[in-house]
């Protein structure tokens, strides 16, 4: 989580630097402006390519995470006192800490003496 926040901050810093450099252009009549134009253009293109790569990578990660959460899993509820196991079918995103919802719509909440095992 901290890594994602740091990455977002670095990305925002790079964008801010590119925008700030673009606004500090000298008047268009000077020869210094024409000499620095290719460097600014390359920096801007590099920034846009970087932003595009980050967006595409994030989108692919979100799609993979969504697919993983939609996967059907077997949820085994184990009674720790008797050792009896009852199995249910659910989706990974429907399994919470002490409760889950089965594929047929039943909502199950486990007791304190039971535990949940999620199997793919």
PDB file of N, CA and C in Angstrom:
ATOM      1  N   UNK A   1       0.822  -1.192   0.000  1.00  0.00           N
ATOM      2  CA  UNK A   1       0.000   0.000   0.000  1.00  0.00           C
ATOM      3  C   UNK A   1       0.861   1.249   0.000  1.00  0.00           C
ATOM      4  N   UNK A   2       1.897   1.252   0.834  1.00  0.00           N
ATOM      5  CA  UNK A   2       2.791   2.415   0.903  1.00  0.00           C
ATOM      6  C   UNK A   2       3.505   2.593  -0.433  1.00  0.00           C
ATOM      7  N   UNK A   3       3.873   1.489  -1.061  1.00  0.00           N
ATOM      8  CA  UNK A   3       4.538   1.557  -2.354  1.00  0.00           C
ATOM      9  C   UNK A   3       3.669   2.214  -3.416  1.00  0.00           C
ATOM     10  N   UNK A   4       2.368   1.913  -3.396  1.00  0.00           N
ATOM     11  CA  UNK A   4       1.459   2.514  -4.361  1.00  0.00           C
ATOM     12  C   UNK A   4       1.340   4.018  -4.144  1.00  0.00           C
ATOM     13  N   UNK A   5       1.290   4.418  -2.882  1.00  0.00           N
ATOM     14  CA  UNK A   5       1.183   5.841  -2.575  1.00  0.00           C
ATOM     15  C   UNK A   5       2.457   6.569  -3.006  1.00  0.00           C
ATOM     16  N   UNK A   6       3.619   5.997  -2.701  1.00  0.00           N
ATOM     17  CA  UNK A   6       4.881   6.615  -3.109  1.00  0.00           C
ATOM     18  C   UNK A   6       4.983   6.703  -4.629  1.00  0.00           C
ATOM     19  N   UNK A   7       4.544   5.656  -5.314  1.00  0.00           N
ATOM     20  CA  UNK A   7       4.589   5.663  -6.774  1.00  0.00           C
ATOM     21  C   UNK A   7       3.697   6.764  -7.327  1.00  0.00           C
ATOM     22  N   UNK A   8       2.508   6.922  -6.762  1.00  0.00           N
ATOM     23  CA  UNK A   8       1.598   7.978  -7.214  1.00  0.00           C
ATOM     24  C   UNK A   8       2.193   9.360  -6.962  1.00  0.00           C
ATOM     25  N   UNK A   9       2.839   9.550  -5.817  1.00  0.00           N
ATOM     26  CA  UNK A   9       3.463  10.837  -5.521  1.00  0.00           C
ATOM     27  C   UNK A   9       4.608  11.151  -6.472  1.00  0.00           C
ATOM     28  N   UNK A  10       5.411  10.145  -6.786  1.00  0.00           N
ATOM     29  CA  UNK A  10       6.511  10.343  -7.741  1.00  0.00           C
ATOM     30  C   UNK A  10       5.942  10.697  -9.113  1.00  0.00           C
ATOM     31  N   UNK A  11       4.877  10.010  -9.510  1.00  0.00           N
ATOM     32  CA  UNK A  11       4.253  10.292 -10.795  1.00  0.00           C
ATOM     33  C   UNK A  11       3.728  11.727 -10.835  1.00  0.00           C
ATOM     34  N   UNK A  12       3.079  12.161  -9.776  1.00  0.00           N
ATOM     35  CA  UNK A  12       2.581  13.531  -9.726  1.00  0.00           C
ATOM     36  C   UNK A  12       3.724  14.542  -9.759  1.00  0.00           C
ATOM     37  N   UNK A  13       4.826  14.234  -9.111  1.00  0.00           N
ATOM     38  CA  UNK A  13       5.993  15.115  -9.121  1.00  0.00           C
ATOM     39  C   UNK A  13       6.559  15.250 -10.536  1.00  0.00           C
ATOM     40  N   UNK A  14       6.666  14.143 -11.249  1.00  0.00           N
ATOM     41  CA  UNK A  14       7.174  14.178 -12.627  1.00  0.00           C
ATOM     42  C   UNK A  14       6.243  15.009 -13.516  1.00  0.00           C
ATOM     43  N   UNK A  15       4.948  14.821 -13.354  1.00  0.00           N
ATOM     44  CA  UNK A  15       3.990  15.597 -14.149  1.00  0.00           C
ATOM     45  C   UNK A  15       4.112  17.083 -13.832  1.00  0.00           C
ATOM     46  N   UNK A  16       4.234  17.416 -12.550  1.00  0.00           N
ATOM     47  CA  UNK A  16       4.360  18.826 -12.148  1.00  0.00           C
ATOM     48  C   UNK A  16       5.622  19.453 -12.724  1.00  0.00           C
ATOM     49  N   UNK A  17       6.726  18.721 -12.735  1.00  0.00           N
ATOM     50  CA  UNK A  17       7.981  19.245 -13.286  1.00  0.00           C
ATOM     51  C   UNK A  17       7.844  19.481 -14.785  1.00  0.00           C
ATOM     52  N   UNK A  18       7.226  18.556 -15.487  1.00  0.00           N
ATOM     53  CA  UNK A  18       7.060  18.711 -16.937  1.00  0.00           C
ATOM     54  C   UNK A  18       6.157  19.898 -17.246  1.00  0.00           C
ATOM     55  N   UNK A  19       5.098  20.052 -16.493  1.00  0.00           N
ATOM     56  CA  UNK A  19       4.197  21.187 -16.726  1.00  0.00           C
ATOM     57  C   UNK A  19       4.892  22.502 -16.399  1.00  0.00           C
ATOM     58  N   UNK A  20       5.655  22.527 -15.306  1.00  0.00           N
ATOM     59  CA  UNK A  20       6.355  23.752 -14.916  1.00  0.00           C
ATOM     60  C   UNK A  20       7.390  24.150 -15.962  1.00  0.00           C
ATOM     61  N   UNK A  21       8.085  23.195 -16.524  1.00  0.00           N
ATOM     62  CA  UNK A  21       9.074  23.512 -17.563  1.00  0.00           C
ATOM     63  C   UNK A  21       8.405  24.031 -18.821  1.00  0.00           C
ATOM     64  N   UNK A  22       7.233  23.528 -19.107  1.00  0.00           N
ATOM     65  CA  UNK A  22       6.507  23.979 -20.290  1.00  0.00           C
ATOM     66  C   UNK A  22       6.021  25.413 -20.158  1.00  0.00           C
ATOM     67  N   UNK A  23       5.728  25.849 -18.949  1.00  0.00           N
ATOM     68  CA  UNK A  23       5.230  27.210 -18.730  1.00  0.00           C
ATOM     69  C   UNK A  23       6.342  28.241 -18.650  1.00  0.00           C
ATOM     70  N   UNK A  24       7.576  27.841 -18.422  1.00  0.00           N
ATOM     71  CA  UNK A  24       8.692  28.773 -18.268  1.00  0.00           C
ATOM     72  C   UNK A  24       9.391  29.079 -19.586  1.00  0.00           C
ATOM     73  N   UNK A  25       8.689  29.000 -20.667  1.00  0.00           N
ATOM     74  CA  UNK A  25       9.300  29.280 -21.974  1.00  0.00           C
ATOM     75  C   UNK A  25       9.561  30.771 -22.123  1.00  0.00           C
ATOM     76  N   UNK A  26      10.711  31.123 -22.725  1.00  0.00           N
ATOM     77  CA  UNK A  26      10.976  32.528 -23.014  1.00  0.00           C
ATOM     78  C   UNK A  26      10.105  32.983 -24.182  1.00  0.00           C
ATOM     79  N   UNK A  27      10.042  34.285 -24.448  1.00  0.00           N
ATOM     80  CA  UNK A  27       9.237  34.780 -25.566  1.00  0.00           C
ATOM     81  C   UNK A  27       9.614  34.088 -26.875  1.00  0.00           C
ATOM     82  N   UNK A  28       8.644  33.944 -27.734  1.00  0.00           N
ATOM     83  CA  UNK A  28       8.846  33.151 -28.950  1.00  0.00           C
ATOM     84  C   UNK A  28       9.824  33.779 -29.936  1.00  0.00           C
ATOM     85  N   UNK A  29      10.171  35.036 -29.802  1.00  0.00           N
ATOM     86  CA  UNK A  29      11.065  35.701 -30.744  1.00  0.00           C
ATOM     87  C   UNK A  29      12.541  35.424 -30.490  1.00  0.00           C
ATOM     88  N   UNK A  30      12.897  34.917 -29.324  1.00  0.00           N
ATOM     89  CA  UNK A  30      14.320  34.735 -29.011  1.00  0.00           C
ATOM     90  C   UNK A  30      14.859  33.450 -29.626  1.00  0.00           C
ATOM     91  N   UNK A  31      16.170  33.421 -29.856  1.00  0.00           N
ATOM     92  CA  UNK A  31      16.794  32.237 -30.443  1.00  0.00           C
ATOM     93  C   UNK A  31      16.991  31.143 -29.413  1.00  0.00           C
ATOM     94  N   UNK A  32      17.041  31.483 -28.129  1.00  0.00           N
ATOM     95  CA  UNK A  32      17.180  30.475 -27.078  1.00  0.00           C
ATOM     96  C   UNK A  32      15.946  29.583 -27.026  1.00  0.00           C
ATOM     97  N   UNK A  33      14.816  30.157 -27.344  1.00  0.00           N
ATOM     98  CA  UNK A  33      13.567  29.394 -27.347  1.00  0.00           C
ATOM     99  C   UNK A  33      13.619  28.309 -28.414  1.00  0.00           C
ATOM    100  N   UNK A  34      14.140  28.638 -29.568  1.00  0.00           N
ATOM    101  CA  UNK A  34      14.194  27.675 -30.649  1.00  0.00           C
ATOM    102  C   UNK A  34      15.196  26.568 -30.351  1.00  0.00           C
ATOM    103  N   UNK A  35      16.253  26.855 -29.628  1.00  0.00           N
ATOM    104  CA  UNK A  35      17.247  25.835 -29.307  1.00  0.00           C
ATOM    105  C   UNK A  35      16.741  24.877 -28.237  1.00  0.00           C
ATOM    106  N   UNK A  36      15.966  25.383 -27.282  1.00  0.00           N
ATOM    107  CA  UNK A  36      15.492  24.523 -26.204  1.00  0.00           C
ATOM    108  C   UNK A  36      14.188  23.805 -26.560  1.00  0.00           C
ATOM    109  N   UNK A  37      13.572  24.155 -27.656  1.00  0.00           N
ATOM    110  CA  UNK A  37      12.303  23.541 -28.058  1.00  0.00           C
ATOM    111  C   UNK A  37      12.412  22.025 -28.252  1.00  0.00           C
ATOM    112  N   UNK A  38      13.445  21.500 -28.928  1.00  0.00           N
ATOM    113  CA  UNK A  38      13.527  20.044 -29.075  1.00  0.00           C
ATOM    114  C   UNK A  38      13.683  19.337 -27.726  1.00  0.00           C
ATOM    115  N   UNK A  39      14.447  19.920 -26.784  1.00  0.00           N
ATOM    116  CA  UNK A  39      14.628  19.291 -25.479  1.00  0.00           C
ATOM    117  C   UNK A  39      13.304  19.250 -24.718  1.00  0.00           C
ATOM    118  N   UNK A  40      12.556  20.336 -24.763  1.00  0.00           N
ATOM    119  CA  UNK A  40      11.263  20.379 -24.078  1.00  0.00           C
ATOM    120  C   UNK A  40      10.290  19.406 -24.718  1.00  0.00           C
ATOM    121  N   UNK A  41      10.339  19.302 -26.030  1.00  0.00           N
ATOM    122  CA  UNK A  41       9.456  18.393 -26.737  1.00  0.00           C
ATOM    123  C   UNK A  41       9.762  16.943 -26.373  1.00  0.00           C
ATOM    124  N   UNK A  42      11.045  16.601 -26.309  1.00  0.00           N
ATOM    125  CA  UNK A  42      11.449  15.246 -25.943  1.00  0.00           C
ATOM    126  C   UNK A  42      11.039  14.943 -24.510  1.00  0.00           C
ATOM    127  N   UNK A  43      11.232  15.887 -23.598  1.00  0.00           N
ATOM    128  CA  UNK A  43      10.840  15.685 -22.201  1.00  0.00           C
ATOM    129  C   UNK A  43       9.331  15.494 -22.083  1.00  0.00           C
ATOM    130  N   UNK A  44       8.573  16.272 -22.819  1.00  0.00           N
ATOM    131  CA  UNK A  44       7.115  16.165 -22.770  1.00  0.00           C
ATOM    132  C   UNK A  44       6.666  14.820 -23.338  1.00  0.00           C
ATOM    133  N   UNK A  45       7.270  14.415 -24.453  1.00  0.00           N
ATOM    134  CA  UNK A  45       6.911  13.122 -25.038  1.00  0.00           C
ATOM    135  C   UNK A  45       7.271  11.977 -24.091  1.00  0.00           C
ATOM    136  N   UNK A  46       8.421  12.077 -23.455  1.00  0.00           N
ATOM    137  CA  UNK A  46       8.829  11.048 -22.495  1.00  0.00           C
ATOM    138  C   UNK A  46       7.846  10.979 -21.330  1.00  0.00           C
ATOM    139  N   UNK A  47       7.425  12.132 -20.841  1.00  0.00           N
ATOM    140  CA  UNK A  47       6.461  12.163 -19.734  1.00  0.00           C
ATOM    141  C   UNK A  47       5.136  11.530 -20.151  1.00  0.00           C
ATOM    142  N   UNK A  48       4.643  11.839 -21.345  1.00  0.00           N
ATOM    143  CA  UNK A  48       3.385  11.261 -21.805  1.00  0.00           C
ATOM    144  C   UNK A  48       3.504   9.757 -22.022  1.00  0.00           C
ATOM    145  N   UNK A  49       4.635   9.307 -22.529  1.00  0.00           N
ATOM    146  CA  UNK A  49       4.853   7.865 -22.699  1.00  0.00           C
ATOM    147  C   UNK A  49       4.870   7.185 -21.334  1.00  0.00           C
ATOM    148  N   UNK A  50       5.542   7.792 -20.380  1.00  0.00           N
ATOM    149  CA  UNK A  50       5.599   7.250 -19.028  1.00  0.00           C
ATOM    150  C   UNK A  50       4.197   7.176 -18.416  1.00  0.00           C
ATOM    151  N   UNK A  51       3.425   8.225 -18.574  1.00  0.00           N
ATOM    152  CA  UNK A  51       2.058   8.241 -18.045  1.00  0.00           C
ATOM    153  C   UNK A  51       1.221   7.160 -18.721  1.00  0.00           C
ATOM    154  N   UNK A  52       1.386   6.996 -20.014  1.00  0.00           N
ATOM    155  CA  UNK A  52       0.648   5.955 -20.733  1.00  0.00           C
ATOM    156  C   UNK A  52       1.005   4.561 -20.249  1.00  0.00           C
ATOM    157  N   UNK A  53       2.294   4.322 -20.039  1.00  0.00           N
ATOM    158  CA  UNK A  53       2.735   3.011 -19.545  1.00  0.00           C
ATOM    159  C   UNK A  53       2.158   2.743 -18.161  1.00  0.00           C
ATOM    160  N   UNK A  54       2.179   3.759 -17.295  1.00  0.00           N
ATOM    161  CA  UNK A  54       1.634   3.597 -15.945  1.00  0.00           C
ATOM    162  C   UNK A  54       0.132   3.297 -16.004  1.00  0.00           C
ATOM    163  N   UNK A  55      -0.589   4.025 -16.841  1.00  0.00           N
ATOM    164  CA  UNK A  55      -2.033   3.799 -16.945  1.00  0.00           C
ATOM    165  C   UNK A  55      -2.354   2.409 -17.492  1.00  0.00           C
ATOM    166  N   UNK A  56      -1.645   1.982 -18.518  1.00  0.00           N
ATOM    167  CA  UNK A  56      -1.889   0.655 -19.094  1.00  0.00           C
ATOM    168  C   UNK A  56      -1.546  -0.437 -18.084  1.00  0.00           C
ATOM    169  N   UNK A  57      -0.434  -0.281 -17.380  1.00  0.00           N
ATOM    170  CA  UNK A  57      -0.040  -1.263 -16.374  1.00  0.00           C
ATOM    171  C   UNK A  57      -1.069  -1.322 -15.247  1.00  0.00           C
ATOM    172  N   UNK A  58      -1.550  -0.183 -14.814  1.00  0.00           N
ATOM    173  CA  UNK A  58      -2.567  -0.152 -13.762  1.00  0.00           C
ATOM    174  C   UNK A  58      -3.848  -0.816 -14.222  1.00  0.00           C
ATOM    175  N   UNK A  59      -4.249  -0.549 -15.447  1.00  0.00           N
ATOM    176  CA  UNK A  59      -5.465  -1.150 -15.980  1.00  0.00           C
ATOM    177  C   UNK A  59      -5.344  -2.669 -16.061  1.00  0.00           C
ATOM    178  N   UNK A  60      -4.213  -3.161 -16.522  1.00  0.00           N
ATOM    179  CA  UNK A  60      -4.001  -4.607 -16.597  1.00  0.00           C
ATOM    180  C   UNK A  60      -4.035  -5.216 -15.198  1.00  0.00           C
ATOM    181  N   UNK A  61      -3.403  -4.554 -14.225  1.00  0.00           N
ATOM    182  CA  UNK A  61      -3.423  -5.045 -12.846  1.00  0.00           C
ATOM    183  C   UNK A  61      -4.824  -5.092 -12.275  1.00  0.00           C
ATOM    184  N   UNK A  62      -5.618  -4.063 -12.545  1.00  0.00           N
ATOM    185  CA  UNK A  62      -6.999  -4.047 -12.064  1.00  0.00           C
ATOM    186  C   UNK A  62      -7.832  -5.173 -12.681  1.00  0.00           C
ATOM    187  N   UNK A  63      -7.635  -5.420 -13.969  1.00  0.00           N
ATOM    188  CA  UNK A  63      -8.384  -6.491 -14.635  1.00  0.00           C
ATOM    189  C   UNK A  63      -7.995  -7.847 -14.061  1.00  0.00           C
ATOM    190  N   UNK A  64      -6.705  -8.091 -13.854  1.00  0.00           N
ATOM    191  CA  UNK A  64      -6.264  -9.358 -13.276  1.00  0.00           C
ATOM    192  C   UNK A  64      -6.807  -9.539 -11.863  1.00  0.00           C
ATOM    193  N   UNK A  65      -6.782  -8.473 -11.072  1.00  0.00           N
ATOM    194  CA  UNK A  65      -7.301  -8.549  -9.706  1.00  0.00           C
ATOM    195  C   UNK A  65      -8.803  -8.825  -9.729  1.00  0.00           C
ATOM    196  N   UNK A  66      -9.539  -8.172 -10.618  1.00  0.00           N
ATOM    197  CA  UNK A  66     -10.977  -8.405 -10.724  1.00  0.00           C
ATOM    198  C   UNK A  66     -11.266  -9.851 -11.105  1.00  0.00           C
ATOM    199  N   UNK A  67     -10.510 -10.376 -12.078  1.00  0.00           N
ATOM    200  CA  UNK A  67     -10.714 -11.764 -12.492  1.00  0.00           C
ATOM    201  C   UNK A  67     -10.421 -12.730 -11.352  1.00  0.00           C
ATOM    202  N   UNK A  68      -9.386 -12.449 -10.587  1.00  0.00           N
ATOM    203  CA  UNK A  68      -9.033 -13.308  -9.462  1.00  0.00           C
ATOM    204  C   UNK A  68     -10.128 -13.292  -8.399  1.00  0.00           C
ATOM    205  N   UNK A  69     -10.718 -12.133  -8.155  1.00  0.00           N
ATOM    206  CA  UNK A  69     -11.775 -12.025  -7.146  1.00  0.00           C
ATOM    207  C   UNK A  69     -13.081 -12.660  -7.616  1.00  0.00           C
ATOM    208  N   UNK A  70     -13.285 -12.812  -8.918  1.00  0.00           N
ATOM    209  CA  UNK A  70     -14.499 -13.424  -9.444  1.00  0.00           C
ATOM    210  C   UNK A  70     -14.400 -14.944  -9.520  1.00  0.00           C
ATOM    211  N   UNK A  71     -13.256 -15.489  -9.221  1.00  0.00           N
ATOM    212  CA  UNK A  71     -13.025 -16.926  -9.327  1.00  0.00           C
ATOM    213  C   UNK A  71     -13.862 -17.686  -8.293  1.00  0.00           C
ATOM    214  N   UNK A  72     -14.420 -18.817  -8.707  1.00  0.00           N
ATOM    215  CA  UNK A  72     -15.173 -19.658  -7.784  1.00  0.00           C
ATOM    216  C   UNK A  72     -14.208 -20.419  -6.885  1.00  0.00           C
ATOM    217  N   UNK A  73     -14.537 -20.462  -5.599  1.00  0.00           N
ATOM    218  CA  UNK A  73     -13.705 -21.149  -4.612  1.00  0.00           C
ATOM    219  C   UNK A  73     -14.574 -22.078  -3.781  1.00  0.00           C
ATOM    220  N   UNK A  74     -13.935 -23.050  -3.145  1.00  0.00           N
ATOM    221  CA  UNK A  74     -14.596 -23.909  -2.184  1.00  0.00           C
ATOM    222  C   UNK A  74     -14.298 -23.372  -0.801  1.00  0.00           C
ATOM    223  N   UNK A  75     -15.346 -23.132  -0.028  1.00  0.00           N
ATOM    224  CA  UNK A  75     -15.193 -22.638   1.337  1.00  0.00           C
ATOM    225  C   UNK A  75     -15.547 -23.783   2.269  1.00  0.00           C
ATOM    226  N   UNK A  76     -14.578 -24.207   3.065  1.00  0.00           N
ATOM    227  CA  UNK A  76     -14.810 -25.269   4.033  1.00  0.00           C
ATOM    228  C   UNK A  76     -14.969 -24.643   5.411  1.00  0.00           C
ATOM    229  N   UNK A  77     -16.084 -24.935   6.069  1.00  0.00           N
ATOM    230  CA  UNK A  77     -16.322 -24.471   7.433  1.00  0.00           C
ATOM    231  C   UNK A  77     -16.025 -25.649   8.345  1.00  0.00           C
ATOM    232  N   UNK A  78     -15.018 -25.492   9.199  1.00  0.00           N
ATOM    233  CA  UNK A  78     -14.552 -26.568  10.066  1.00  0.00           C
ATOM    234  C   UNK A  78     -14.941 -26.242  11.500  1.00  0.00           C
ATOM    235  N   UNK A  79     -15.666 -27.176  12.127  1.00  0.00           N
ATOM    236  CA  UNK A  79     -15.996 -27.035  13.546  1.00  0.00           C
ATOM    237  C   UNK A  79     -14.774 -27.500  14.338  1.00  0.00           C
ATOM    238  N   UNK A  80     -14.192 -26.613  15.099  1.00  0.00           N
ATOM    239  CA  UNK A  80     -12.943 -26.952  15.810  1.00  0.00           C
ATOM    240  C   UNK A  80     -13.174 -27.900  16.980  1.00  0.00           C
ATOM    241  N   UNK A  81     -14.400 -28.025  17.451  1.00  0.00           N
ATOM    242  CA  UNK A  81     -14.690 -28.914  18.578  1.00  0.00           C
ATOM    243  C   UNK A  81     -14.846 -30.350  18.095  1.00  0.00           C
ATOM    244  N   UNK A  82     -15.669 -30.553  17.067  1.00  0.00           N
ATOM    245  CA  UNK A  82     -15.943 -31.910  16.592  1.00  0.00           C
ATOM    246  C   UNK A  82     -15.076 -32.311  15.400  1.00  0.00           C
ATOM    247  N   UNK A  83     -14.533 -31.355  14.683  1.00  0.00           N
ATOM    248  CA  UNK A  83     -13.737 -31.655  13.500  1.00  0.00           C
ATOM    249  C   UNK A  83     -14.572 -31.832  12.250  1.00  0.00           C
ATOM    250  N   UNK A  84     -15.877 -31.634  12.337  1.00  0.00           N
ATOM    251  CA  UNK A  84     -16.776 -31.792  11.199  1.00  0.00           C
ATOM    252  C   UNK A  84     -16.541 -30.665  10.197  1.00  0.00           C
ATOM    253  N   UNK A  85     -16.493 -31.030   8.923  1.00  0.00           N
ATOM    254  CA  UNK A  85     -16.257 -30.067   7.852  1.00  0.00           C
ATOM    255  C   UNK A  85     -17.471 -30.010   6.931  1.00  0.00           C
ATOM    256  N   UNK A  86     -17.917 -28.797   6.620  1.00  0.00           N
ATOM    257  CA  UNK A  86     -18.987 -28.583   5.663  1.00  0.00           C
ATOM    258  C   UNK A  86     -18.443 -27.687   4.561  1.00  0.00           C
ATOM    259  N   UNK A  87     -18.652 -28.114   3.306  1.00  0.00           N
ATOM    260  CA  UNK A  87     -18.109 -27.350   2.177  1.00  0.00           C
ATOM    261  C   UNK A  87     -19.219 -26.627   1.427  1.00  0.00           C
ATOM    262  N   UNK A  88     -18.874 -25.427   0.960  1.00  0.00           N
ATOM    263  CA  UNK A  88     -19.781 -24.581   0.183  1.00  0.00           C
ATOM    264  C   UNK A  88     -19.016 -24.050  -1.020  1.00  0.00           C
ATOM    265  N   UNK A  89     -19.763 -23.645  -2.057  1.00  0.00           N
ATOM    266  CA  UNK A  89     -19.163 -22.990  -3.230  1.00  0.00           C
ATOM    267  C   UNK A  89     -19.497 -21.504  -3.154  1.00  0.00           C
ATOM    268  N   UNK A  90     -18.489 -20.666  -3.413  1.00  0.00           N
ATOM    269  CA  UNK A  90     -18.677 -19.224  -3.354  1.00  0.00           C
ATOM    270  C   UNK A  90     -17.718 -18.566  -4.335  1.00  0.00           C
ATOM    271  N   UNK A  91     -17.807 -17.269  -4.438  1.00  0.00           N
ATOM    272  CA  UNK A  91     -16.828 -16.491  -5.196  1.00  0.00           C
ATOM    273  C   UNK A  91     -15.872 -15.863  -4.207  1.00  0.00           C
ATOM    274  N   UNK A  92     -14.646 -15.645  -4.634  1.00  0.00           N
ATOM    275  CA  UNK A  92     -13.609 -15.129  -3.734  1.00  0.00           C
ATOM    276  C   UNK A  92     -13.975 -13.766  -3.164  1.00  0.00           C
ATOM    277  N   UNK A  93     -14.658 -12.930  -3.939  1.00  0.00           N
ATOM    278  CA  UNK A  93     -15.002 -11.598  -3.438  1.00  0.00           C
ATOM    279  C   UNK A  93     -16.162 -11.611  -2.454  1.00  0.00           C
ATOM    280  N   UNK A  94     -16.852 -12.724  -2.306  1.00  0.00           N
ATOM    281  CA  UNK A  94     -17.973 -12.828  -1.375  1.00  0.00           C
ATOM    282  C   UNK A  94     -17.565 -13.399  -0.021  1.00  0.00           C
ATOM    283  N   UNK A  95     -16.297 -13.775   0.122  1.00  0.00           N
ATOM    284  CA  UNK A  95     -15.815 -14.332   1.381  1.00  0.00           C
ATOM    285  C   UNK A  95     -15.199 -13.215   2.207  1.00  0.00           C
ATOM    286  N   UNK A  96     -15.735 -13.030   3.404  1.00  0.00           N
ATOM    287  CA  UNK A  96     -15.215 -12.013   4.310  1.00  0.00           C
ATOM    288  C   UNK A  96     -14.568 -12.699   5.506  1.00  0.00           C
ATOM    289  N   UNK A  97     -14.419 -11.972   6.588  1.00  0.00           N
ATOM    290  CA  UNK A  97     -13.711 -12.481   7.754  1.00  0.00           C
ATOM    291  C   UNK A  97     -14.438 -13.660   8.398  1.00  0.00           C
ATOM    292  N   UNK A  98     -15.654 -13.473   8.847  1.00  0.00           N
ATOM    293  CA  UNK A  98     -16.396 -14.522   9.542  1.00  0.00           C
ATOM    294  C   UNK A  98     -17.695 -14.875   8.824  1.00  0.00           C
ATOM    295  N   UNK A  99     -17.850 -14.406   7.594  1.00  0.00           N
ATOM    296  CA  UNK A  99     -19.082 -14.685   6.856  1.00  0.00           C
ATOM    297  C   UNK A  99     -18.795 -14.752   5.364  1.00  0.00           C
ATOM    298  N   UNK A 100     -19.711 -15.363   4.638  1.00  0.00           N
ATOM    299  CA  UNK A 100     -19.594 -15.442   3.181  1.00  0.00           C
ATOM    300  C   UNK A 100     -20.965 -15.717   2.601  1.00  0.00           C
ATOM    301  N   UNK A 101     -21.062 -15.555   1.284  1.00  0.00           N
ATOM    302  CA  UNK A 101     -22.304 -15.830   0.571  1.00  0.00           C
ATOM    303  C   UNK A 101     -22.031 -16.916  -0.459  1.00  0.00           C
ATOM    304  N   UNK A 102     -22.894 -17.921  -0.505  1.00  0.00           N
ATOM    305  CA  UNK A 102     -22.706 -19.026  -1.437  1.00  0.00           C
ATOM    306  C   UNK A 102     -23.195 -18.627  -2.825  1.00  0.00           C
ATOM    307  N   UNK A 103     -22.904 -19.465  -3.810  1.00  0.00           N
ATOM    308  CA  UNK A 103     -23.328 -19.195  -5.183  1.00  0.00           C
ATOM    309  C   UNK A 103     -24.845 -19.223  -5.332  1.00  0.00           C
ATOM    310  N   UNK A 104     -25.527 -19.995  -4.482  1.00  0.00           N
ATOM    311  CA  UNK A 104     -26.985 -20.056  -4.564  1.00  0.00           C
ATOM    312  C   UNK A 104     -27.669 -19.009  -3.685  1.00  0.00           C
ATOM    313  N   UNK A 105     -26.906 -18.059  -3.118  1.00  0.00           N
ATOM    314  CA  UNK A 105     -27.482 -16.917  -2.426  1.00  0.00           C
ATOM    315  C   UNK A 105     -27.593 -17.032  -0.919  1.00  0.00           C
ATOM    316  N   UNK A 106     -27.187 -18.148  -0.340  1.00  0.00           N
ATOM    317  CA  UNK A 106     -27.257 -18.282   1.122  1.00  0.00           C
ATOM    318  C   UNK A 106     -26.130 -17.480   1.771  1.00  0.00           C
ATOM    319  N   UNK A 107     -26.458 -16.798   2.852  1.00  0.00           N
ATOM    320  CA  UNK A 107     -25.457 -16.051   3.610  1.00  0.00           C
ATOM    321  C   UNK A 107     -25.114 -16.856   4.850  1.00  0.00           C
ATOM    322  N   UNK A 108     -23.850 -17.186   4.982  1.00  0.00           N
ATOM    323  CA  UNK A 108     -23.384 -18.017   6.085  1.00  0.00           C
ATOM    324  C   UNK A 108     -22.499 -17.167   6.991  1.00  0.00           C
ATOM    325  N   UNK A 109     -22.770 -17.224   8.298  1.00  0.00           N
ATOM    326  CA  UNK A 109     -21.898 -16.584   9.278  1.00  0.00           C
ATOM    327  C   UNK A 109     -21.437 -17.684  10.222  1.00  0.00           C
ATOM    328  N   UNK A 110     -20.126 -17.801  10.382  1.00  0.00           N
ATOM    329  CA  UNK A 110     -19.582 -18.894  11.181  1.00  0.00           C
ATOM    330  C   UNK A 110     -19.550 -18.510  12.658  1.00  0.00           C
ATOM    331  N   UNK A 111     -19.651 -19.525  13.498  1.00  0.00           N
ATOM    332  CA  UNK A 111     -19.633 -19.321  14.945  1.00  0.00           C
ATOM    333  C   UNK A 111     -18.196 -19.129  15.422  1.00  0.00           C
ATOM    334  N   UNK A 112     -18.056 -18.786  16.691  1.00  0.00           N
ATOM    335  CA  UNK A 112     -16.732 -18.573  17.264  1.00  0.00           C
ATOM    336  C   UNK A 112     -15.889 -19.844  17.301  1.00  0.00           C
ATOM    337  N   UNK A 113     -16.556 -21.004  17.398  1.00  0.00           N
ATOM    338  CA  UNK A 113     -15.807 -22.256  17.464  1.00  0.00           C
ATOM    339  C   UNK A 113     -15.592 -22.873  16.076  1.00  0.00           C
ATOM    340  N   UNK A 114     -15.843 -22.119  15.011  1.00  0.00           N
ATOM    341  CA  UNK A 114     -15.639 -22.597  13.655  1.00  0.00           C
ATOM    342  C   UNK A 114     -14.601 -21.740  12.945  1.00  0.00           C
ATOM    343  N   UNK A 115     -13.978 -22.310  11.948  1.00  0.00           N
ATOM    344  CA  UNK A 115     -13.023 -21.561  11.134  1.00  0.00           C
ATOM    345  C   UNK A 115     -13.340 -21.787   9.667  1.00  0.00           C
ATOM    346  N   UNK A 116     -12.860 -20.860   8.841  1.00  0.00           N
ATOM    347  CA  UNK A 116     -13.104 -20.924   7.402  1.00  0.00           C
ATOM    348  C   UNK A 116     -11.796 -21.254   6.689  1.00  0.00           C
ATOM    349  N   UNK A 117     -11.879 -22.205   5.759  1.00  0.00           N
ATOM    350  CA  UNK A 117     -10.750 -22.515   4.875  1.00  0.00           C
ATOM    351  C   UNK A 117     -11.210 -22.265   3.447  1.00  0.00           C
ATOM    352  N   UNK A 118     -10.458 -21.449   2.718  1.00  0.00           N
ATOM    353  CA  UNK A 118     -10.796 -21.135   1.335  1.00  0.00           C
ATOM    354  C   UNK A 118      -9.851 -21.916   0.434  1.00  0.00           C
ATOM    355  N   UNK A 119     -10.442 -22.730  -0.446  1.00  0.00           N
ATOM    356  CA  UNK A 119      -9.646 -23.554  -1.371  1.00  0.00           C
ATOM    357  C   UNK A 119     -10.025 -23.182  -2.794  1.00  0.00           C
ATOM    358  N   UNK A 120      -9.036 -23.076  -3.639  1.00  0.00           N
ATOM    359  CA  UNK A 120      -9.309 -22.738  -5.040  1.00  0.00           C
ATOM    360  C   UNK A 120      -9.625 -23.955  -5.849  1.00  0.00           C
TER     361      UNK A 120
END
